[in-house]
PDB file of N, CA and C in Angstrom:
ATOM      1  N   MET A   1       0.849  -1.167   0.000  1.00  0.00           N
ATOM      2  CA  MET A   1       0.000   0.000   0.000  1.00  0.00           C
ATOM      3  C   MET A   1       0.894   1.229   0.000  1.00  0.00           C
ATOM      4  N   LYS A   2       0.355   2.319  -0.464  1.00  0.00           N
ATOM      5  CA  LYS A   2       1.090   3.576  -0.482  1.00  0.00           C
ATOM      6  C   LYS A   2       0.722   4.347   0.780  1.00  0.00           C
ATOM      7  N   ALA A   3       1.730   4.859   1.471  1.00  0.00           N
ATOM      8  CA  ALA A   3       1.528   5.712   2.636  1.00  0.00           C
ATOM      9  C   ALA A   3       1.890   7.136   2.237  1.00  0.00           C
ATOM     10  N   LEU A   4       1.010   8.065   2.558  1.00  0.00           N
ATOM     11  CA  LEU A   4       1.225   9.482   2.275  1.00  0.00           C
ATOM     12  C   LEU A   4       1.317  10.232   3.601  1.00  0.00           C
ATOM     13  N   TYR A   5       2.228  11.186   3.673  1.00  0.00           N
ATOM     14  CA  TYR A   5       2.439  11.964   4.886  1.00  0.00           C
ATOM     15  C   TYR A   5       2.333  13.447   4.544  1.00  0.00           C
ATOM     16  N   PHE A   6       1.636  14.206   5.398  1.00  0.00           N
ATOM     17  CA  PHE A   6       1.396  15.617   5.129  1.00  0.00           C
ATOM     18  C   PHE A   6       1.842  16.498   6.289  1.00  0.00           C
ATOM     19  N   ALA A   7       2.159  17.749   5.959  1.00  0.00           N
ATOM     20  CA  ALA A   7       2.493  18.814   6.909  1.00  0.00           C
ATOM     21  C   ALA A   7       3.662  18.398   7.801  1.00  0.00           C
ATOM     22  N   TRP A   8       3.553  18.634   9.119  1.00  0.00           N
ATOM     23  CA  TRP A   8       4.686  18.346  10.004  1.00  0.00           C
ATOM     24  C   TRP A   8       4.967  16.860  10.136  1.00  0.00           C
ATOM     25  N   ILE A   9       4.007  16.007   9.834  1.00  0.00           N
ATOM     26  CA  ILE A   9       4.277  14.561   9.847  1.00  0.00           C
ATOM     27  C   ILE A   9       5.288  14.248   8.742  1.00  0.00           C
ATOM     28  N   ARG A  10       5.065  14.800   7.565  1.00  0.00           N
ATOM     29  CA  ARG A  10       5.995  14.625   6.444  1.00  0.00           C
ATOM     30  C   ARG A  10       7.379  15.161   6.804  1.00  0.00           C
ATOM     31  N   GLU A  11       7.414  16.322   7.422  1.00  0.00           N
ATOM     32  CA  GLU A  11       8.696  16.930   7.791  1.00  0.00           C
ATOM     33  C   GLU A  11       9.464  16.057   8.779  1.00  0.00           C
ATOM     34  N   ARG A  12       8.786  15.468   9.739  1.00  0.00           N
ATOM     35  CA  ARG A  12       9.455  14.649  10.750  1.00  0.00           C
ATOM     36  C   ARG A  12       9.911  13.298  10.197  1.00  0.00           C
ATOM     37  N   ILE A  13       9.159  12.754   9.264  1.00  0.00           N
ATOM     38  CA  ILE A  13       9.542  11.475   8.662  1.00  0.00           C
ATOM     39  C   ILE A  13      10.587  11.684   7.572  1.00  0.00           C
ATOM     40  N   GLY A  14      10.482  12.799   6.868  1.00  0.00           N
ATOM     41  CA  GLY A  14      11.433  13.087   5.798  1.00  0.00           C
ATOM     42  C   GLY A  14      11.008  12.549   4.445  1.00  0.00           C
ATOM     43  N   LEU A  15       9.757  12.123   4.346  1.00  0.00           N
ATOM     44  CA  LEU A  15       9.196  11.606   3.090  1.00  0.00           C
ATOM     45  C   LEU A  15       7.786  12.136   2.919  1.00  0.00           C
ATOM     46  N   SER A  16       7.373  12.334   1.681  1.00  0.00           N
ATOM     47  CA  SER A  16       5.976  12.695   1.439  1.00  0.00           C
ATOM     48  C   SER A  16       5.135  11.454   1.157  1.00  0.00           C
ATOM     49  N   GLU A  17       5.794  10.403   0.665  1.00  0.00           N
ATOM     50  CA  GLU A  17       5.086   9.148   0.420  1.00  0.00           C
ATOM     51  C   GLU A  17       6.082   8.011   0.307  1.00  0.00           C
ATOM     52  N   GLU A  18       5.559   6.802   0.492  1.00  0.00           N
ATOM     53  CA  GLU A  18       6.366   5.600   0.328  1.00  0.00           C
ATOM     54  C   GLU A  18       5.444   4.398   0.191  1.00  0.00           C
ATOM     55  N   ASP A  19       5.962   3.347  -0.397  1.00  0.00           N
ATOM     56  CA  ASP A  19       5.242   2.080  -0.453  1.00  0.00           C
ATOM     57  C   ASP A  19       5.624   1.288   0.784  1.00  0.00           C
ATOM     58  N   ILE A  20       4.611   0.784   1.498  1.00  0.00           N
ATOM     59  CA  ILE A  20       4.866  -0.004   2.700  1.00  0.00           C
ATOM     60  C   ILE A  20       4.191  -1.364   2.562  1.00  0.00           C
ATOM     61  N   ASN A  21       4.754  -2.343   3.233  1.00  0.00           N
ATOM     62  CA  ASN A  21       4.216  -3.704   3.222  1.00  0.00           C
ATOM     63  C   ASN A  21       4.179  -4.233   4.644  1.00  0.00           C
ATOM     64  N   PRO A  22       3.174  -3.819   5.417  1.00  0.00           N
ATOM     65  CA  PRO A  22       3.100  -4.293   6.796  1.00  0.00           C
ATOM     66  C   PRO A  22       2.776  -5.794   6.832  1.00  0.00           C
ATOM     67  N   PRO A  23       3.164  -6.471   7.902  1.00  0.00           N
ATOM     68  CA  PRO A  23       2.840  -7.891   8.042  1.00  0.00           C
ATOM     69  C   PRO A  23       1.324  -8.111   8.065  1.00  0.00           C
ATOM     70  N   GLU A  24       0.904  -9.302   7.743  1.00  0.00           N
ATOM     71  CA  GLU A  24      -0.531  -9.621   7.678  1.00  0.00           C
ATOM     72  C   GLU A  24      -1.260  -9.445   9.003  1.00  0.00           C
ATOM     73  N   ASP A  25      -0.547  -9.526  10.122  1.00  0.00           N
ATOM     74  CA  ASP A  25      -1.212  -9.380  11.422  1.00  0.00           C
ATOM     75  C   ASP A  25      -1.506  -7.924  11.782  1.00  0.00           C
ATOM     76  N   ILE A  26      -1.075  -6.990  10.955  1.00  0.00           N
ATOM     77  CA  ILE A  26      -1.389  -5.574  11.158  1.00  0.00           C
ATOM     78  C   ILE A  26      -2.742  -5.324  10.487  1.00  0.00           C
ATOM     79  N   LYS A  27      -3.757  -5.082  11.306  1.00  0.00           N
ATOM     80  CA  LYS A  27      -5.135  -5.025  10.800  1.00  0.00           C
ATOM     81  C   LYS A  27      -5.784  -3.645  10.825  1.00  0.00           C
ATOM     82  N   THR A  28      -5.303  -2.734  11.702  1.00  0.00           N
ATOM     83  CA  THR A  28      -5.962  -1.437  11.869  1.00  0.00           C
ATOM     84  C   THR A  28      -4.974  -0.288  11.666  1.00  0.00           C
ATOM     85  N   VAL A  29      -5.514   0.909  11.566  1.00  0.00           N
ATOM     86  CA  VAL A  29      -4.685   2.107  11.449  1.00  0.00           C
ATOM     87  C   VAL A  29      -3.765   2.212  12.665  1.00  0.00           C
ATOM     88  N   ASP A  30      -4.314   2.018  13.865  1.00  0.00           N
ATOM     89  CA  ASP A  30      -3.510   2.085  15.085  1.00  0.00           C
ATOM     90  C   ASP A  30      -2.361   1.075  15.068  1.00  0.00           C
ATOM     91  N   GLN A  31      -2.656  -0.148  14.655  1.00  0.00           N
ATOM     92  CA  GLN A  31      -1.610  -1.165  14.582  1.00  0.00           C
ATOM     93  C   GLN A  31      -0.558  -0.800  13.536  1.00  0.00           C
ATOM     94  N   LEU A  32      -0.988  -0.188  12.451  1.00  0.00           N
ATOM     95  CA  LEU A  32      -0.049   0.244  11.426  1.00  0.00           C
ATOM     96  C   LEU A  32       0.891   1.324  11.970  1.00  0.00           C
ATOM     97  N   ILE A  33       0.340   2.258  12.721  1.00  0.00           N
ATOM     98  CA  ILE A  33       1.179   3.285  13.337  1.00  0.00           C
ATOM     99  C   ILE A  33       2.189   2.637  14.286  1.00  0.00           C
ATOM    100  N   ASP A  34       1.735   1.684  15.110  1.00  0.00           N
ATOM    101  CA  ASP A  34       2.659   0.971  16.009  1.00  0.00           C
ATOM    102  C   ASP A  34       3.777   0.306  15.216  1.00  0.00           C
ATOM    103  N   TRP A  35       3.421  -0.325  14.111  1.00  0.00           N
ATOM    104  CA  TRP A  35       4.407  -1.017  13.275  1.00  0.00           C
ATOM    105  C   TRP A  35       5.410  -0.016  12.677  1.00  0.00           C
ATOM    106  N   LEU A  36       4.899   1.107  12.187  1.00  0.00           N
ATOM    107  CA  LEU A  36       5.789   2.123  11.632  1.00  0.00           C
ATOM    108  C   LEU A  36       6.747   2.655  12.700  1.00  0.00           C
ATOM    109  N   ILE A  37       6.223   2.927  13.889  1.00  0.00           N
ATOM    110  CA  ILE A  37       7.052   3.429  14.985  1.00  0.00           C
ATOM    111  C   ILE A  37       8.197   2.467  15.283  1.00  0.00           C
ATOM    112  N   ALA A  38       7.934   1.172  15.188  1.00  0.00           N
ATOM    113  CA  ALA A  38       8.967   0.172  15.466  1.00  0.00           C
ATOM    114  C   ALA A  38      10.024   0.101  14.357  1.00  0.00           C
ATOM    115  N   GLN A  39       9.735   0.671  13.180  1.00  0.00           N
ATOM    116  CA  GLN A  39      10.655   0.589  12.054  1.00  0.00           C
ATOM    117  C   GLN A  39      11.828   1.567  12.164  1.00  0.00           C
ATOM    118  N   LYS A  40      11.522   2.820  12.507  1.00  0.00           N
ATOM    119  CA  LYS A  40      12.555   3.866  12.540  1.00  0.00           C
ATOM    120  C   LYS A  40      12.194   4.932  13.560  1.00  0.00           C
ATOM    121  N   GLU A  41      13.204   5.577  14.071  1.00  0.00           N
ATOM    122  CA  GLU A  41      13.042   6.659  15.044  1.00  0.00           C
ATOM    123  C   GLU A  41      12.188   7.806  14.490  1.00  0.00           C
ATOM    124  N   CYS A  42      12.328   8.123  13.211  1.00  0.00           N
ATOM    125  CA  CYS A  42      11.584   9.254  12.646  1.00  0.00           C
ATOM    126  C   CYS A  42      10.073   9.039  12.740  1.00  0.00           C
ATOM    127  N   TYR A  43       9.617   7.792  12.642  1.00  0.00           N
ATOM    128  CA  TYR A  43       8.185   7.523  12.786  1.00  0.00           C
ATOM    129  C   TYR A  43       7.742   7.732  14.230  1.00  0.00           C
ATOM    130  N   ALA A  44       8.590   7.326  15.172  1.00  0.00           N
ATOM    131  CA  ALA A  44       8.274   7.523  16.589  1.00  0.00           C
ATOM    132  C   ALA A  44       8.110   9.011  16.891  1.00  0.00           C
ATOM    133  N   VAL A  45       8.974   9.831  16.304  1.00  0.00           N
ATOM    134  CA  VAL A  45       8.881  11.278  16.496  1.00  0.00           C
ATOM    135  C   VAL A  45       7.606  11.813  15.840  1.00  0.00           C
ATOM    136  N   ALA A  46       7.333  11.399  14.622  1.00  0.00           N
ATOM    137  CA  ALA A  46       6.174  11.903  13.877  1.00  0.00           C
ATOM    138  C   ALA A  46       4.848  11.521  14.526  1.00  0.00           C
ATOM    139  N   PHE A  47       4.778  10.316  15.087  1.00  0.00           N
ATOM    140  CA  PHE A  47       3.522   9.821  15.656  1.00  0.00           C
ATOM    141  C   PHE A  47       3.499   9.880  17.182  1.00  0.00           C
ATOM    142  N   ALA A  48       4.358  10.694  17.787  1.00  0.00           N
ATOM    143  CA  ALA A  48       4.486  10.753  19.245  1.00  0.00           C
ATOM    144  C   ALA A  48       3.178  11.129  19.944  1.00  0.00           C
ATOM    145  N   ASN A  49       2.420  12.042  19.371  1.00  0.00           N
ATOM    146  CA  ASN A  49       1.147  12.447  19.978  1.00  0.00           C
ATOM    147  C   ASN A  49       0.003  12.008  19.070  1.00  0.00           C
ATOM    148  N   ARG A  50      -0.493  10.822  19.309  1.00  0.00           N
ATOM    149  CA  ARG A  50      -1.529  10.254  18.423  1.00  0.00           C
ATOM    150  C   ARG A  50      -2.828  11.051  18.411  1.00  0.00           C
ATOM    151  N   LYS A  51      -3.083  11.820  19.444  1.00  0.00           N
ATOM    152  CA  LYS A  51      -4.303  12.626  19.463  1.00  0.00           C
ATOM    153  C   LYS A  51      -4.304  13.662  18.343  1.00  0.00           C
ATOM    154  N   LEU A  52      -3.114  13.963  17.819  1.00  0.00           N
ATOM    155  CA  LEU A  52      -3.000  14.952  16.752  1.00  0.00           C
ATOM    156  C   LEU A  52      -2.912  14.332  15.368  1.00  0.00           C
ATOM    157  N   ILE A  53      -3.007  13.026  15.274  1.00  0.00           N
ATOM    158  CA  ILE A  53      -2.869  12.335  13.987  1.00  0.00           C
ATOM    159  C   ILE A  53      -4.249  11.995  13.428  1.00  0.00           C
ATOM    160  N   ARG A  54      -4.453  12.349  12.188  1.00  0.00           N
ATOM    161  CA  ARG A  54      -5.665  11.962  11.466  1.00  0.00           C
ATOM    162  C   ARG A  54      -5.237  11.037  10.333  1.00  0.00           C
ATOM    163  N   ALA A  55      -6.163  10.194   9.892  1.00  0.00           N
ATOM    164  CA  ALA A  55      -5.836   9.257   8.819  1.00  0.00           C
ATOM    165  C   ALA A  55      -6.992   9.164   7.840  1.00  0.00           C
ATOM    166  N   SER A  56      -6.641   8.814   6.613  1.00  0.00           N
ATOM    167  CA  SER A  56      -7.658   8.492   5.611  1.00  0.00           C
ATOM    168  C   SER A  56      -7.189   7.248   4.868  1.00  0.00           C
ATOM    169  N   ILE A  57      -8.161   6.461   4.488  1.00  0.00           N
ATOM    170  CA  ILE A  57      -7.894   5.273   3.682  1.00  0.00           C
ATOM    171  C   ILE A  57      -8.606   5.473   2.357  1.00  0.00           C
ATOM    172  N   ASP A  58      -7.845   5.413   1.289  1.00  0.00           N
ATOM    173  CA  ASP A  58      -8.378   5.625  -0.051  1.00  0.00           C
ATOM    174  C   ASP A  58      -9.241   6.879  -0.110  1.00  0.00           C
ATOM    175  N   LYS A  59      -8.704   7.954   0.488  1.00  0.00           N
ATOM    176  CA  LYS A  59      -9.282   9.306   0.468  1.00  0.00           C
ATOM    177  C   LYS A  59     -10.556   9.473   1.298  1.00  0.00           C
ATOM    178  N   VAL A  60     -10.804   8.551   2.246  1.00  0.00           N
ATOM    179  CA  VAL A  60     -11.948   8.651   3.150  1.00  0.00           C
ATOM    180  C   VAL A  60     -11.410   8.704   4.580  1.00  0.00           C
ATOM    181  N   HIS A  61     -11.788   9.755   5.332  1.00  0.00           N
ATOM    182  CA  HIS A  61     -11.327   9.879   6.717  1.00  0.00           C
ATOM    183  C   HIS A  61     -11.801   8.664   7.517  1.00  0.00           C
ATOM    184  N   VAL A  62     -10.899   8.157   8.370  1.00  0.00           N
ATOM    185  CA  VAL A  62     -11.214   6.967   9.169  1.00  0.00           C
ATOM    186  C   VAL A  62     -10.747   7.170  10.606  1.00  0.00           C
ATOM    187  N   HIS A  63     -11.282   6.344  11.507  1.00  0.00           N
ATOM    188  CA  HIS A  63     -10.878   6.369  12.909  1.00  0.00           C
ATOM    189  C   HIS A  63      -9.704   5.403  13.119  1.00  0.00           C
ATOM    190  N   PRO A  64      -9.011   5.513  14.250  1.00  0.00           N
ATOM    191  CA  PRO A  64      -7.814   4.692  14.476  1.00  0.00           C
ATOM    192  C   PRO A  64      -8.050   3.181  14.450  1.00  0.00           C
ATOM    193  N   GLN A  65      -9.252   2.738  14.731  1.00  0.00           N
ATOM    194  CA  GLN A  65      -9.533   1.298  14.731  1.00  0.00           C
ATOM    195  C   GLN A  65     -10.032   0.789  13.376  1.00  0.00           C
ATOM    196  N   ALA A  66     -10.022   1.631  12.368  1.00  0.00           N
ATOM    197  CA  ALA A  66     -10.473   1.240  11.026  1.00  0.00           C
ATOM    198  C   ALA A  66      -9.558   0.162  10.445  1.00  0.00           C
ATOM    199  N   SER A  67     -10.156  -0.735   9.727  1.00  0.00           N
ATOM    200  CA  SER A  67      -9.418  -1.814   9.076  1.00  0.00           C
ATOM    201  C   SER A  67      -8.635  -1.284   7.875  1.00  0.00           C
ATOM    202  N   ILE A  68      -7.427  -1.799   7.717  1.00  0.00           N
ATOM    203  CA  ILE A  68      -6.610  -1.442   6.559  1.00  0.00           C
ATOM    204  C   ILE A  68      -6.579  -2.579   5.539  1.00  0.00           C
ATOM    205  N   ALA A  69      -7.432  -3.568   5.716  1.00  0.00           N
ATOM    206  CA  ALA A  69      -7.385  -4.803   4.926  1.00  0.00           C
ATOM    207  C   ALA A  69      -7.339  -4.587   3.415  1.00  0.00           C
ATOM    208  N   SER A  70      -8.164  -3.745   2.881  1.00  0.00           N
ATOM    209  CA  SER A  70      -8.210  -3.587   1.424  1.00  0.00           C
ATOM    210  C   SER A  70      -7.653  -2.240   0.972  1.00  0.00           C
ATOM    211  N   ALA A  71      -6.933  -1.560   1.857  1.00  0.00           N
ATOM    212  CA  ALA A  71      -6.427  -0.215   1.541  1.00  0.00           C
ATOM    213  C   ALA A  71      -5.377  -0.249   0.436  1.00  0.00           C
ATOM    214  N   ARG A  72      -5.533   0.649  -0.498  1.00  0.00           N
ATOM    215  CA  ARG A  72      -4.502   0.873  -1.520  1.00  0.00           C
ATOM    216  C   ARG A  72      -3.627   2.056  -1.117  1.00  0.00           C
ATOM    217  N   GLU A  73      -4.240   2.988  -0.340  1.00  0.00           N
ATOM    218  CA  GLU A  73      -3.537   4.196   0.067  1.00  0.00           C
ATOM    219  C   GLU A  73      -3.990   4.592   1.467  1.00  0.00           C
ATOM    220  N   ILE A  74      -3.031   4.943   2.306  1.00  0.00           N
ATOM    221  CA  ILE A  74      -3.350   5.487   3.621  1.00  0.00           C
ATOM    222  C   ILE A  74      -2.583   6.786   3.790  1.00  0.00           C
ATOM    223  N   ALA A  75      -3.269   7.802   4.251  1.00  0.00           N
ATOM    224  CA  ALA A  75      -2.651   9.113   4.435  1.00  0.00           C
ATOM    225  C   ALA A  75      -2.707   9.498   5.904  1.00  0.00           C
ATOM    226  N   PHE A  76      -1.646  10.139   6.368  1.00  0.00           N
ATOM    227  CA  PHE A  76      -1.567  10.628   7.735  1.00  0.00           C
ATOM    228  C   PHE A  76      -1.353  12.131   7.691  1.00  0.00           C
ATOM    229  N   PHE A  77      -2.100  12.857   8.525  1.00  0.00           N
ATOM    230  CA  PHE A  77      -2.029  14.321   8.509  1.00  0.00           C
ATOM    231  C   PHE A  77      -2.485  14.859   9.852  1.00  0.00           C
ATOM    232  N   PRO A  78      -2.102  16.105  10.166  1.00  0.00           N
ATOM    233  CA  PRO A  78      -2.565  16.732  11.406  1.00  0.00           C
ATOM    234  C   PRO A  78      -4.008  17.219  11.231  1.00  0.00           C
ATOM    235  N   PRO A  79      -4.661  17.591  12.329  1.00  0.00           N
ATOM    236  CA  PRO A  79      -6.015  18.153  12.214  1.00  0.00           C
ATOM    237  C   PRO A  79      -6.011  19.340  11.267  1.00  0.00           C
ATOM    238  N   MET A  80      -7.091  19.489  10.535  1.00  0.00           N
ATOM    239  CA  MET A  80      -7.204  20.587   9.572  1.00  0.00           C
ATOM    240  C   MET A  80      -8.180  21.630  10.087  1.00  0.00           C
ATOM    241  N   THR A  81      -7.943  22.854   9.707  1.00  0.00           N
ATOM    242  CA  THR A  81      -8.879  23.920  10.026  1.00  0.00           C
ATOM    243  C   THR A  81      -9.278  24.620   8.743  1.00  0.00           C
ATOM    244  N   GLY A  82     -10.454  25.169   8.754  1.00  0.00           N
ATOM    245  CA  GLY A  82     -10.931  25.901   7.571  1.00  0.00           C
ATOM    246  C   GLY A  82     -10.676  27.381   7.736  1.00  0.00           C
ATOM    247  N   GLY A  83     -10.946  28.105   6.683  1.00  0.00           N
ATOM    248  CA  GLY A  83     -10.706  29.535   6.835  1.00  0.00           C
ATOM    249  C   GLY A  83     -11.172  30.321   5.686  1.00  0.00           C
TER     250      GLY A  83
END
């Protein structure tokens, strides 16, 4: 699946996107974040405050317990404000 990173999450990871292949036992957005954090220090820094992390799967906003089973794309971004 393709992972996309936006705003300060992108800055902390150092990538705007990448292809990832989590193990089959990773089933939810939260578990995916845990797996990413275990991969490299930059992910731990980027995802340090999960209350500030939003996610979308295939361009649809989802909650942390959402299944990633059929995801082609997952995006991580901070809360957005309008203006």
